[in-house]
């Protein structure tokens, strides 16, 4: 998720303990009253986060502080962090089985990946984000919130991962396994490269829970492109959960044929948090049914691609 100023279906995406990284701590000197949990949302927050609600409040402070300063979310989102972002994301946890491996693609500021890790400590979560400044924010947030035992940050583009896996299977890559800074299993000095995973550093993608039982994405791309990037990251029988908005049903219908060609089931629209959050969170669910028939850049002909090709064929040549 990149810029949440226009809402969950567009490109959207606390003060933490003093033991966090200096850059994170210095951005969150005092609580921000604008992100105090509203009284009318307190019951929903307690139901979704349980005894980890203080951790969710700390994350809200991070989003409203360094998240805004660094441009990960828009300043207008600060008063809406709880209903529009935290509770909206936490509601998706009801679709995820116990102790699942979860990969959050285009994680941005950590929505929904960090939220799910807070609400569901049984999950193993990998946050995939291509931009260094966002990967740094994610790494610092994981450290400040003390989620390092359950959450890993991978700086990569989702569409590059399957190609890397194929090369690795043929012995075409060499790498050294590194751990995120702050992880108990860190096997290198923190100044030896960036504090997140890079594809070139990974010997075995299974260390990052790839492929995963659940892949999530929020405000990343239309469903056809999202399926092309994400289904290769889903284990057989696992599911892609794409958080969408009011037009989810139309999007699911429009791209159903492409999703099926990519090895997914017919897209299903789910409503999460009914009776808890208002409005409920809308999710398009796709099950990976078979081997993906084309992935990465240019491999899957998306709906938009077919339209462009059609226009090109009809264009006069004179």
C-alpha atoms as a PDB file:
ATOM      1  CA  UNK A   1       0.000   0.000   0.000  1.00  0.00           C
ATOM      2  CA  UNK A   2       1.434   3.366  -0.969  1.00  0.00           C
ATOM      3  CA  UNK A   3      -0.626   6.544  -0.499  1.00  0.00           C
ATOM      4  CA  UNK A   4      -3.873   6.190   1.443  1.00  0.00           C
ATOM      5  CA  UNK A   5      -5.122   9.711   0.947  1.00  0.00           C
ATOM      6  CA  UNK A   6      -7.938   8.561  -1.332  1.00  0.00           C
ATOM      7  CA  UNK A   7      -9.070   5.498   0.569  1.00  0.00           C
ATOM      8  CA  UNK A   8      -8.608   1.746   0.885  1.00  0.00           C
ATOM      9  CA  UNK A   9      -9.376   0.915  -2.737  1.00  0.00           C
ATOM     10  CA  UNK A  10      -7.046   3.507  -4.171  1.00  0.00           C
ATOM     11  CA  UNK A  11      -3.313   3.693  -3.556  1.00  0.00           C
ATOM     12  CA  UNK A  12      -3.669   3.820   0.212  1.00  0.00           C
ATOM     13  CA  UNK A  13      -1.615   2.406   2.638  1.00  0.00           C
ATOM     14  CA  UNK A  14       2.506   4.775  18.012  1.00  0.00           C
ATOM     15  CA  UNK A  15       4.613   6.181  20.125  1.00  0.00           C
ATOM     16  CA  UNK A  16       6.537   3.019  20.577  1.00  0.00           C
ATOM     17  CA  UNK A  17       8.703   1.865  23.450  1.00  0.00           C
ATOM     18  CA  UNK A  18      11.812   3.940  24.036  1.00  0.00           C
ATOM     19  CA  UNK A  19      13.933   0.904  23.173  1.00  0.00           C
ATOM     20  CA  UNK A  20      13.082   1.267  19.472  1.00  0.00           C
ATOM     21  CA  UNK A  21      15.511   2.451  16.803  1.00  0.00           C
ATOM     22  CA  UNK A  22      16.590   6.074  17.258  1.00  0.00           C
ATOM     23  CA  UNK A  23      15.023   7.287  14.019  1.00  0.00           C
ATOM     24  CA  UNK A  24      11.660   5.769  14.882  1.00  0.00           C
ATOM     25  CA  UNK A  25      11.767   6.947  18.489  1.00  0.00           C
ATOM     26  CA  UNK A  26      12.728  10.491  17.550  1.00  0.00           C
ATOM     27  CA  UNK A  27       9.707  10.712  15.238  1.00  0.00           C
ATOM     28  CA  UNK A  28       7.285   9.721  18.021  1.00  0.00           C
ATOM     29  CA  UNK A  29       8.185  11.892  21.002  1.00  0.00           C
ATOM     30  CA  UNK A  30       4.674  12.298  22.422  1.00  0.00           C
ATOM     31  CA  UNK A  31       1.236  10.777  21.824  1.00  0.00           C
ATOM     32  CA  UNK A  32      -0.816  12.360  19.065  1.00  0.00           C
ATOM     33  CA  UNK A  33      -4.315  13.245  20.328  1.00  0.00           C
ATOM     34  CA  UNK A  34      -5.627  13.067  16.767  1.00  0.00           C
ATOM     35  CA  UNK A  35      -5.189   9.275  16.764  1.00  0.00           C
ATOM     36  CA  UNK A  36      -6.686   8.546  20.165  1.00  0.00           C
ATOM     37  CA  UNK A  37      -9.053   5.598  19.866  1.00  0.00           C
ATOM     38  CA  UNK A  38     -12.558   7.103  19.496  1.00  0.00           C
ATOM     39  CA  UNK A  39     -15.045   6.006  22.151  1.00  0.00           C
ATOM     40  CA  UNK A  40     -17.499   4.734  19.551  1.00  0.00           C
ATOM     41  CA  UNK A  41     -14.842   2.409  18.088  1.00  0.00           C
ATOM     42  CA  UNK A  42     -13.412   1.146  21.374  1.00  0.00           C
ATOM     43  CA  UNK A  43     -15.586  -1.971  21.576  1.00  0.00           C
ATOM     44  CA  UNK A  44     -14.766  -2.996  17.995  1.00  0.00           C
ATOM     45  CA  UNK A  45     -11.066  -2.439  18.673  1.00  0.00           C
ATOM     46  CA  UNK A  46     -11.210  -4.576  21.827  1.00  0.00           C
ATOM     47  CA  UNK A  47     -12.949  -7.375  19.945  1.00  0.00           C
ATOM     48  CA  UNK A  48     -10.438  -7.339  17.095  1.00  0.00           C
ATOM     49  CA  UNK A  49      -7.199  -6.776  19.036  1.00  0.00           C
ATOM     50  CA  UNK A  50      -7.989  -8.226  22.465  1.00  0.00           C
ATOM     51  CA  UNK A  51      -5.203  -7.746  24.994  1.00  0.00           C
ATOM     52  CA  UNK A  52      -2.908  -6.506  22.218  1.00  0.00           C
ATOM     53  CA  UNK A  53      -4.910  -3.302  21.807  1.00  0.00           C
ATOM     54  CA  UNK A  54      -2.094  -1.216  23.394  1.00  0.00           C
ATOM     55  CA  UNK A  55       0.175  -2.486  20.619  1.00  0.00           C
ATOM     56  CA  UNK A  56      -2.362  -1.341  18.022  1.00  0.00           C
ATOM     57  CA  UNK A  57      -2.461   2.072  19.717  1.00  0.00           C
ATOM     58  CA  UNK A  58       1.321   2.260  19.530  1.00  0.00           C
ATOM     59  CA  UNK A  59       1.188   1.428  15.810  1.00  0.00           C
ATOM     60  CA  UNK A  60      -1.438   4.143  15.281  1.00  0.00           C
ATOM     61  CA  UNK A  61       1.041   6.622  16.779  1.00  0.00           C
ATOM     62  CA  UNK A  62       3.740   5.427  14.387  1.00  0.00           C
ATOM     63  CA  UNK A  63       1.435   5.892  11.409  1.00  0.00           C
ATOM     64  CA  UNK A  64       0.371   9.369  12.520  1.00  0.00           C
ATOM     65  CA  UNK A  65       3.950  10.416  13.305  1.00  0.00           C
ATOM     66  CA  UNK A  66       6.758   9.091  11.088  1.00  0.00           C
ATOM     67  CA  UNK A  67       4.225   7.529   8.727  1.00  0.00           C
ATOM     68  CA  UNK A  68       2.938  10.977   7.796  1.00  0.00           C
ATOM     69  CA  UNK A  69       6.340  12.704   7.969  1.00  0.00           C
ATOM     70  CA  UNK A  70       7.840  10.172   5.561  1.00  0.00           C
ATOM     71  CA  UNK A  71       4.882  10.286   3.194  1.00  0.00           C
ATOM     72  CA  UNK A  72       3.613   6.742   3.777  1.00  0.00           C
ATOM     73  CA  UNK A  73       0.131   7.954   4.557  1.00  0.00           C
ATOM     74  CA  UNK A  74      -1.522  11.294   3.903  1.00  0.00           C
ATOM     75  CA  UNK A  75      -2.029  13.783   6.761  1.00  0.00           C
ATOM     76  CA  UNK A  76      -5.774  13.783   6.130  1.00  0.00           C
ATOM     77  CA  UNK A  77      -5.832  10.112   7.091  1.00  0.00           C
ATOM     78  CA  UNK A  78      -4.712  10.757  10.675  1.00  0.00           C
ATOM     79  CA  UNK A  79      -8.224  11.248  12.133  1.00  0.00           C
ATOM     80  CA  UNK A  80      -9.398   8.165  10.223  1.00  0.00           C
ATOM     81  CA  UNK A  81      -6.582   5.773  11.100  1.00  0.00           C
ATOM     82  CA  UNK A  82      -8.742   3.594  13.339  1.00  0.00           C
ATOM     83  CA  UNK A  83     -11.891   3.074  11.289  1.00  0.00           C
ATOM     84  CA  UNK A  84     -10.482   3.415   7.779  1.00  0.00           C
ATOM     85  CA  UNK A  85      -7.232   1.527   8.285  1.00  0.00           C
ATOM     86  CA  UNK A  86      -6.590  -0.391  11.523  1.00  0.00           C
ATOM     87  CA  UNK A  87     -10.051  -1.856  12.099  1.00  0.00           C
ATOM     88  CA  UNK A  88     -10.624  -2.269   8.369  1.00  0.00           C
ATOM     89  CA  UNK A  89      -7.485  -4.420   8.146  1.00  0.00           C
ATOM     90  CA  UNK A  90      -7.916  -6.297  11.422  1.00  0.00           C
ATOM     91  CA  UNK A  91     -11.331  -7.570  10.343  1.00  0.00           C
ATOM     92  CA  UNK A  92      -9.652  -9.678   7.640  1.00  0.00           C
ATOM     93  CA  UNK A  93      -8.131 -11.907  10.337  1.00  0.00           C
ATOM     94  CA  UNK A  94     -11.378 -13.884  10.479  1.00  0.00           C
ATOM     95  CA  UNK A  95     -10.566 -15.363   7.047  1.00  0.00           C
ATOM     96  CA  UNK A  96      -7.113 -16.608   8.104  1.00  0.00           C
ATOM     97  CA  UNK A  97      -6.689 -20.043   9.740  1.00  0.00           C
ATOM     98  CA  UNK A  98      -4.684 -20.460  12.927  1.00  0.00           C
ATOM     99  CA  UNK A  99      -0.879 -20.429  12.617  1.00  0.00           C
ATOM    100  CA  UNK A 100      -0.945 -19.576   8.914  1.00  0.00           C
ATOM    101  CA  UNK A 101       1.981 -18.143   6.995  1.00  0.00           C
ATOM    102  CA  UNK A 102       0.989 -14.742   5.600  1.00  0.00           C
ATOM    103  CA  UNK A 103       2.710 -12.642   2.934  1.00  0.00           C
ATOM    104  CA  UNK A 104       1.616  -9.011   2.555  1.00  0.00           C
ATOM    105  CA  UNK A 105       2.407  -7.711  -0.939  1.00  0.00           C
ATOM    106  CA  UNK A 106       3.058  -3.994  -1.432  1.00  0.00           C
ATOM    107  CA  UNK A 107       2.946  -3.571   2.329  1.00  0.00           C
ATOM    108  CA  UNK A 108       3.722   0.159   2.291  1.00  0.00           C
ATOM    109  CA  UNK A 109       3.117   1.347   5.852  1.00  0.00           C
ATOM    110  CA  UNK A 110       2.242  -2.176   7.005  1.00  0.00           C
ATOM    111  CA  UNK A 111      -1.445  -2.312   6.103  1.00  0.00           C
ATOM    112  CA  UNK A 112      -2.696  -4.968   6.484  1.00  0.00           C
ATOM    113  CA  UNK A 113       0.443  -6.975   7.337  1.00  0.00           C
ATOM    114  CA  UNK A 114       1.485  -5.329  10.613  1.00  0.00           C
ATOM    115  CA  UNK A 115      -2.136  -5.038  11.731  1.00  0.00           C
ATOM    116  CA  UNK A 116      -2.640  -8.780  11.221  1.00  0.00           C
ATOM    117  CA  UNK A 117       0.572  -9.541  13.117  1.00  0.00           C
ATOM    118  CA  UNK A 118      -0.703  -7.459  16.036  1.00  0.00           C
ATOM    119  CA  UNK A 119      -4.210  -8.925  16.041  1.00  0.00           C
ATOM    120  CA  UNK A 120      -3.022 -12.491  15.451  1.00  0.00           C
ATOM    121  CA  UNK A 121       0.270 -13.348  17.197  1.00  0.00           C
ATOM    122  CA  UNK A 122      -0.094 -16.940  15.956  1.00  0.00           C
ATOM    123  CA  UNK A 123       0.649 -15.840  12.379  1.00  0.00           C
ATOM    124  CA  UNK A 124       4.029 -15.778  10.635  1.00  0.00           C
ATOM    125  CA  UNK A 125       4.046 -12.627   8.487  1.00  0.00           C
ATOM    126  CA  UNK A 126       6.365 -11.485   5.687  1.00  0.00           C
ATOM    127  CA  UNK A 127       6.034  -7.883   4.486  1.00  0.00           C
ATOM    128  CA  UNK A 128       7.059  -7.414   0.843  1.00  0.00           C
ATOM    129  CA  UNK A 129       7.802  -3.827  -0.169  1.00  0.00           C
ATOM    130  CA  UNK A 130      10.014  -2.644  -3.070  1.00  0.00           C
ATOM    131  CA  UNK A 131      10.821   0.909  -1.912  1.00  0.00           C
ATOM    132  CA  UNK A 132      13.716   1.357   0.508  1.00  0.00           C
ATOM    133  CA  UNK A 133      12.165   4.195   2.524  1.00  0.00           C
ATOM    134  CA  UNK A 134       9.050   2.125   3.144  1.00  0.00           C
ATOM    135  CA  UNK A 135      11.079  -0.983   3.926  1.00  0.00           C
ATOM    136  CA  UNK A 136      12.994   1.083   6.486  1.00  0.00           C
ATOM    137  CA  UNK A 137       9.771   2.284   8.110  1.00  0.00           C
ATOM    138  CA  UNK A 138       8.470  -1.289   8.256  1.00  0.00           C
ATOM    139  CA  UNK A 139      11.701  -2.541   9.807  1.00  0.00           C
ATOM    140  CA  UNK A 140      11.677   0.198  12.438  1.00  0.00           C
ATOM    141  CA  UNK A 141       7.986  -0.368  13.204  1.00  0.00           C
ATOM    142  CA  UNK A 142       8.565  -4.095  13.667  1.00  0.00           C
ATOM    143  CA  UNK A 143      11.411  -3.328  16.072  1.00  0.00           C
ATOM    144  CA  UNK A 144       9.517  -0.658  18.025  1.00  0.00           C
ATOM    145  CA  UNK A 145       6.465  -2.922  18.354  1.00  0.00           C
ATOM    146  CA  UNK A 146       8.648  -5.921  19.242  1.00  0.00           C
ATOM    147  CA  UNK A 147       7.198  -8.066  16.447  1.00  0.00           C
ATOM    148  CA  UNK A 148      10.563  -9.360  15.222  1.00  0.00           C
ATOM    149  CA  UNK A 149       9.852 -12.948  16.217  1.00  0.00           C
ATOM    150  CA  UNK A 150       6.826 -13.131  13.918  1.00  0.00           C
ATOM    151  CA  UNK A 151       7.389 -10.542  11.177  1.00  0.00           C
ATOM    152  CA  UNK A 152      10.053 -10.317   8.460  1.00  0.00           C
ATOM    153  CA  UNK A 153      10.603  -7.544   5.912  1.00  0.00           C
ATOM    154  CA  UNK A 154      11.601  -8.410   2.338  1.00  0.00           C
ATOM    155  CA  UNK A 155      12.507  -5.583  -0.017  1.00  0.00           C
ATOM    156  CA  UNK A 156      11.455  -6.855  -3.437  1.00  0.00           C
ATOM    157  CA  UNK A 157       8.862  -6.573  -6.160  1.00  0.00           C
ATOM    158  CA  UNK A 158       6.314  -9.352  -5.947  1.00  0.00           C
ATOM    159  CA  UNK A 159       6.579 -10.026  -9.676  1.00  0.00           C
ATOM    160  CA  UNK A 160      10.320 -10.712  -9.368  1.00  0.00           C
ATOM    161  CA  UNK A 161      10.099 -13.376  -6.686  1.00  0.00           C
ATOM    162  CA  UNK A 162       8.836 -16.300  -8.765  1.00  0.00           C
ATOM    163  CA  UNK A 163      11.511 -15.725 -11.411  1.00  0.00           C
ATOM    164  CA  UNK A 164      14.120 -15.667  -8.662  1.00  0.00           C
ATOM    165  CA  UNK A 165      12.734 -18.904  -7.213  1.00  0.00           C
ATOM    166  CA  UNK A 166      12.950 -20.595 -10.603  1.00  0.00           C
ATOM    167  CA  UNK A 167      16.561 -19.500 -11.054  1.00  0.00           C
ATOM    168  CA  UNK A 168      17.399 -20.714  -7.571  1.00  0.00           C
ATOM    169  CA  UNK A 169      15.844 -24.107  -8.317  1.00  0.00           C
ATOM    170  CA  UNK A 170      18.169 -24.389 -11.322  1.00  0.00           C
ATOM    171  CA  UNK A 171      21.161 -23.400  -9.217  1.00  0.00           C
ATOM    172  CA  UNK A 172      21.397 -20.053 -10.944  1.00  0.00           C
ATOM    173  CA  UNK A 173      21.583 -17.900  -7.834  1.00  0.00           C
ATOM    174  CA  UNK A 174      23.978 -17.591  -4.976  1.00  0.00           C
ATOM    175  CA  UNK A 175      23.053 -15.881  -1.777  1.00  0.00           C
ATOM    176  CA  UNK A 176      23.637 -15.600   1.892  1.00  0.00           C
ATOM    177  CA  UNK A 177      20.738 -15.875   4.304  1.00  0.00           C
ATOM    178  CA  UNK A 178      20.394 -12.716   6.361  1.00  0.00           C
ATOM    179  CA  UNK A 179      17.926 -11.779   9.059  1.00  0.00           C
ATOM    180  CA  UNK A 180      16.131  -8.558   9.744  1.00  0.00           C
ATOM    181  CA  UNK A 181      17.781  -6.363  12.352  1.00  0.00           C
ATOM    182  CA  UNK A 182      16.150  -6.863  15.718  1.00  0.00           C
ATOM    183  CA  UNK A 183      15.351 -10.508  15.068  1.00  0.00           C
ATOM    184  CA  UNK A 184      16.538 -12.927  17.720  1.00  0.00           C
ATOM    185  CA  UNK A 185      18.043 -15.022  14.937  1.00  0.00           C
ATOM    186  CA  UNK A 186      20.043 -12.180  13.399  1.00  0.00           C
ATOM    187  CA  UNK A 187      23.200 -13.779  12.071  1.00  0.00           C
ATOM    188  CA  UNK A 188      25.230 -10.709  11.115  1.00  0.00           C
ATOM    189  CA  UNK A 189      26.181  -7.288  12.468  1.00  0.00           C
ATOM    190  CA  UNK A 190      23.457  -4.714  11.917  1.00  0.00           C
ATOM    191  CA  UNK A 191      25.841  -2.501   9.929  1.00  0.00           C
ATOM    192  CA  UNK A 192      26.483  -5.277   7.394  1.00  0.00           C
ATOM    193  CA  UNK A 193      23.961  -4.121   4.797  1.00  0.00           C
ATOM    194  CA  UNK A 194      20.331  -3.012   5.094  1.00  0.00           C
ATOM    195  CA  UNK A 195      18.214  -4.335   7.993  1.00  0.00           C
ATOM    196  CA  UNK A 196      15.812  -6.285   5.790  1.00  0.00           C
ATOM    197  CA  UNK A 197      15.941  -9.182   3.375  1.00  0.00           C
ATOM    198  CA  UNK A 198      16.910  -8.610  -0.247  1.00  0.00           C
ATOM    199  CA  UNK A 199      16.269 -11.324  -2.824  1.00  0.00           C
ATOM    200  CA  UNK A 200      19.984 -11.532  -3.563  1.00  0.00           C
ATOM    201  CA  UNK A 201      20.591 -12.366   0.099  1.00  0.00           C
ATOM    202  CA  UNK A 202      18.146 -15.261   0.325  1.00  0.00           C
ATOM    203  CA  UNK A 203      19.262 -18.851  -0.135  1.00  0.00           C
ATOM    204  CA  UNK A 204      15.885 -20.403   0.571  1.00  0.00           C
ATOM    205  CA  UNK A 205      12.586 -18.575   0.116  1.00  0.00           C
ATOM    206  CA  UNK A 206      10.979 -21.052   2.513  1.00  0.00           C
ATOM    207  CA  UNK A 207      12.768 -19.098   5.246  1.00  0.00           C
ATOM    208  CA  UNK A 208      10.419 -16.245   4.365  1.00  0.00           C
ATOM    209  CA  UNK A 209       7.304 -18.481   4.379  1.00  0.00           C
ATOM    210  CA  UNK A 210       7.185 -18.474   0.571  1.00  0.00           C
ATOM    211  CA  UNK A 211       5.034 -19.757  -0.936  1.00  0.00           C
ATOM    212  CA  UNK A 212       2.526 -18.790   1.751  1.00  0.00           C
ATOM    213  CA  UNK A 213      -0.827 -20.110   2.837  1.00  0.00           C
ATOM    214  CA  UNK A 214      -2.267 -16.586   2.691  1.00  0.00           C
ATOM    215  CA  UNK A 215      -1.195 -13.645   0.514  1.00  0.00           C
ATOM    216  CA  UNK A 216      -2.758 -10.263   1.243  1.00  0.00           C
ATOM    217  CA  UNK A 217      -2.757  -7.015  -0.724  1.00  0.00           C
ATOM    218  CA  UNK A 218      -4.486  -3.692  -0.135  1.00  0.00           C
ATOM    219  CA  UNK A 219      -4.766  -0.949  -2.743  1.00  0.00           C
ATOM    220  CA  UNK A 220      -1.937  -2.382  -4.836  1.00  0.00           C
ATOM    221  CA  UNK A 221      -3.357  -3.013  -8.336  1.00  0.00           C
ATOM    222  CA  UNK A 222      -6.445  -4.203 -10.243  1.00  0.00           C
ATOM    223  CA  UNK A 223      -7.268  -7.864  -9.683  1.00  0.00           C
ATOM    224  CA  UNK A 224      -5.876  -9.156 -12.985  1.00  0.00           C
ATOM    225  CA  UNK A 225      -2.416  -7.694 -12.381  1.00  0.00           C
ATOM    226  CA  UNK A 226      -2.573  -8.558  -8.702  1.00  0.00           C
ATOM    227  CA  UNK A 227      -3.309 -12.210  -9.473  1.00  0.00           C
ATOM    228  CA  UNK A 228      -0.411 -12.372 -11.937  1.00  0.00           C
ATOM    229  CA  UNK A 229       1.977 -11.073  -9.285  1.00  0.00           C
ATOM    230  CA  UNK A 230       0.567 -12.796  -6.215  1.00  0.00           C
ATOM    231  CA  UNK A 231      -0.712 -16.248  -7.171  1.00  0.00           C
ATOM    232  CA  UNK A 232       2.850 -17.560  -7.688  1.00  0.00           C
ATOM    233  CA  UNK A 233       3.462 -16.650  -4.033  1.00  0.00           C
ATOM    234  CA  UNK A 234       0.455 -18.666  -2.827  1.00  0.00           C
ATOM    235  CA  UNK A 235       0.929 -22.290  -1.808  1.00  0.00           C
ATOM    236  CA  UNK A 236      -1.362 -24.808  -3.584  1.00  0.00           C
ATOM    237  CA  UNK A 237      -4.721 -24.625  -1.853  1.00  0.00           C
ATOM    238  CA  UNK A 238      -3.785 -21.315  -0.265  1.00  0.00           C
ATOM    239  CA  UNK A 239      -5.612 -18.058  -0.850  1.00  0.00           C
ATOM    240  CA  UNK A 240      -5.089 -14.551  -2.134  1.00  0.00           C
ATOM    241  CA  UNK A 241      -7.054 -12.010  -0.066  1.00  0.00           C
ATOM    242  CA  UNK A 242      -7.297  -8.682  -1.878  1.00  0.00           C
ATOM    243  CA  UNK A 243      -8.779  -5.876   0.217  1.00  0.00           C
ATOM    244  CA  UNK A 244     -11.031  -3.840  -2.037  1.00  0.00           C
ATOM    245  CA  UNK A 245     -13.756  -1.214  -1.979  1.00  0.00           C
ATOM    246  CA  UNK A 246     -17.322  -0.781  -3.120  1.00  0.00           C
ATOM    247  CA  UNK A 247     -16.656  -1.916  -6.707  1.00  0.00           C
ATOM    248  CA  UNK A 248     -15.198  -5.284  -5.667  1.00  0.00           C
ATOM    249  CA  UNK A 249     -18.007  -7.330  -7.209  1.00  0.00           C
ATOM    250  CA  UNK A 250     -17.602  -5.609 -10.574  1.00  0.00           C
ATOM    251  CA  UNK A 251     -13.829  -6.053 -10.452  1.00  0.00           C
ATOM    252  CA  UNK A 252     -14.167  -9.741  -9.591  1.00  0.00           C
ATOM    253  CA  UNK A 253     -16.521 -10.313 -12.502  1.00  0.00           C
ATOM    254  CA  UNK A 254     -14.407  -8.318 -14.960  1.00  0.00           C
ATOM    255  CA  UNK A 255     -11.182 -10.194 -14.220  1.00  0.00           C
ATOM    256  CA  UNK A 256     -12.530 -13.669 -13.431  1.00  0.00           C
ATOM    257  CA  UNK A 257     -11.375 -15.199 -16.728  1.00  0.00           C
ATOM    258  CA  UNK A 258      -7.824 -13.899 -16.310  1.00  0.00           C
ATOM    259  CA  UNK A 259      -7.667 -15.149 -12.727  1.00  0.00           C
ATOM    260  CA  UNK A 260      -8.806 -18.601 -13.825  1.00  0.00           C
ATOM    261  CA  UNK A 261      -6.138 -18.727 -16.525  1.00  0.00           C
ATOM    262  CA  UNK A 262      -3.549 -17.871 -13.895  1.00  0.00           C
ATOM    263  CA  UNK A 263      -4.476 -20.913 -11.842  1.00  0.00           C
ATOM    264  CA  UNK A 264      -6.899 -19.298  -9.429  1.00  0.00           C
ATOM    265  CA  UNK A 265     -10.463 -20.138  -8.526  1.00  0.00           C
ATOM    266  CA  UNK A 266     -13.374 -17.948  -9.521  1.00  0.00           C
ATOM    267  CA  UNK A 267     -13.002 -14.771  -7.413  1.00  0.00           C
ATOM    268  CA  UNK A 268     -15.398 -14.579  -4.465  1.00  0.00           C
ATOM    269  CA  UNK A 269     -16.355 -11.388  -2.641  1.00  0.00           C
ATOM    270  CA  UNK A 270     -16.287 -11.680   1.164  1.00  0.00           C
ATOM    271  CA  UNK A 271     -17.491  -9.240   3.821  1.00  0.00           C
ATOM    272  CA  UNK A 272     -15.407  -9.272   6.983  1.00  0.00           C
ATOM    273  CA  UNK A 273     -16.224  -7.863  10.400  1.00  0.00           C
ATOM    274  CA  UNK A 274     -19.984  -7.803   9.878  1.00  0.00           C
ATOM    275  CA  UNK A 275     -21.538  -6.478  13.068  1.00  0.00           C
ATOM    276  CA  UNK A 276     -18.134  -5.318  14.321  1.00  0.00           C
ATOM    277  CA  UNK A 277     -16.871  -2.712  11.852  1.00  0.00           C
ATOM    278  CA  UNK A 278     -19.022  -0.356   9.817  1.00  0.00           C
ATOM    279  CA  UNK A 279     -18.824  -0.682   6.907  1.00  0.00           C
ATOM    280  CA  UNK A 280     -17.561  -4.271   6.786  1.00  0.00           C
ATOM    281  CA  UNK A 281     -14.248  -4.872   5.049  1.00  0.00           C
ATOM    282  CA  UNK A 282     -14.627  -6.072   1.465  1.00  0.00           C
ATOM    283  CA  UNK A 283     -12.217  -8.758   0.310  1.00  0.00           C
ATOM    284  CA  UNK A 284     -11.864 -10.595  -2.997  1.00  0.00           C
ATOM    285  CA  UNK A 285     -10.784 -14.153  -2.244  1.00  0.00           C
ATOM    286  CA  UNK A 286      -9.015 -16.350  -4.807  1.00  0.00           C
ATOM    287  CA  UNK A 287      -7.866 -19.910  -4.098  1.00  0.00           C
ATOM    288  CA  UNK A 288      -4.767 -21.162  -5.901  1.00  0.00           C
ATOM    289  CA  UNK A 289      -6.086 -24.328  -7.506  1.00  0.00           C
ATOM    290  CA  UNK A 290      -3.282 -25.328  -9.850  1.00  0.00           C
ATOM    291  CA  UNK A 291       0.141 -24.363 -11.128  1.00  0.00           C
ATOM    292  CA  UNK A 292       0.218 -20.753 -12.237  1.00  0.00           C
ATOM    293  CA  UNK A 293       0.105 -20.515 -16.016  1.00  0.00           C
ATOM    294  CA  UNK A 294       2.285 -17.428 -16.332  1.00  0.00           C
ATOM    295  CA  UNK A 295       3.590 -14.990 -13.807  1.00  0.00           C
ATOM    296  CA  UNK A 296       5.718 -11.920 -13.447  1.00  0.00           C
ATOM    297  CA  UNK A 297       5.999  -9.016 -15.827  1.00  0.00           C
ATOM    298  CA  UNK A 298       4.562  -9.603 -19.233  1.00  0.00           C
ATOM    299  CA  UNK A 299       3.750 -13.263 -18.702  1.00  0.00           C
ATOM    300  CA  UNK A 300       0.027 -12.981 -18.046  1.00  0.00           C
ATOM    301  CA  UNK A 301      -2.100 -11.068 -20.516  1.00  0.00           C
ATOM    302  CA  UNK A 302      -4.290  -8.973 -18.262  1.00  0.00           C
ATOM    303  CA  UNK A 303      -7.636  -7.472 -19.171  1.00  0.00           C
ATOM    304  CA  UNK A 304      -6.021  -4.073 -19.736  1.00  0.00           C
ATOM    305  CA  UNK A 305      -3.330  -5.672 -21.854  1.00  0.00           C
ATOM    306  CA  UNK A 306      -5.857  -7.391 -24.091  1.00  0.00           C
ATOM    307  CA  UNK A 307      -7.712  -4.119 -24.561  1.00  0.00           C
ATOM    308  CA  UNK A 308      -4.491  -2.314 -25.489  1.00  0.00           C
ATOM    309  CA  UNK A 309      -3.611  -5.063 -27.944  1.00  0.00           C
ATOM    310  CA  UNK A 310      -7.059  -4.835 -29.468  1.00  0.00           C
ATOM    311  CA  UNK A 311      -6.757  -1.098 -29.935  1.00  0.00           C
ATOM    312  CA  UNK A 312      -3.341  -1.573 -31.519  1.00  0.00           C
ATOM    313  CA  UNK A 313      -4.724  -4.094 -34.000  1.00  0.00           C
ATOM    314  CA  UNK A 314      -7.498  -1.705 -34.972  1.00  0.00           C
ATOM    315  CA  UNK A 315      -5.195   1.302 -35.359  1.00  0.00           C
ATOM    316  CA  UNK A 316      -4.681   2.366 -39.009  1.00  0.00           C
ATOM    317  CA  UNK A 317      -1.184   1.705 -40.312  1.00  0.00           C
ATOM    318  CA  UNK A 318      -0.939   4.640 -42.717  1.00  0.00           C
END
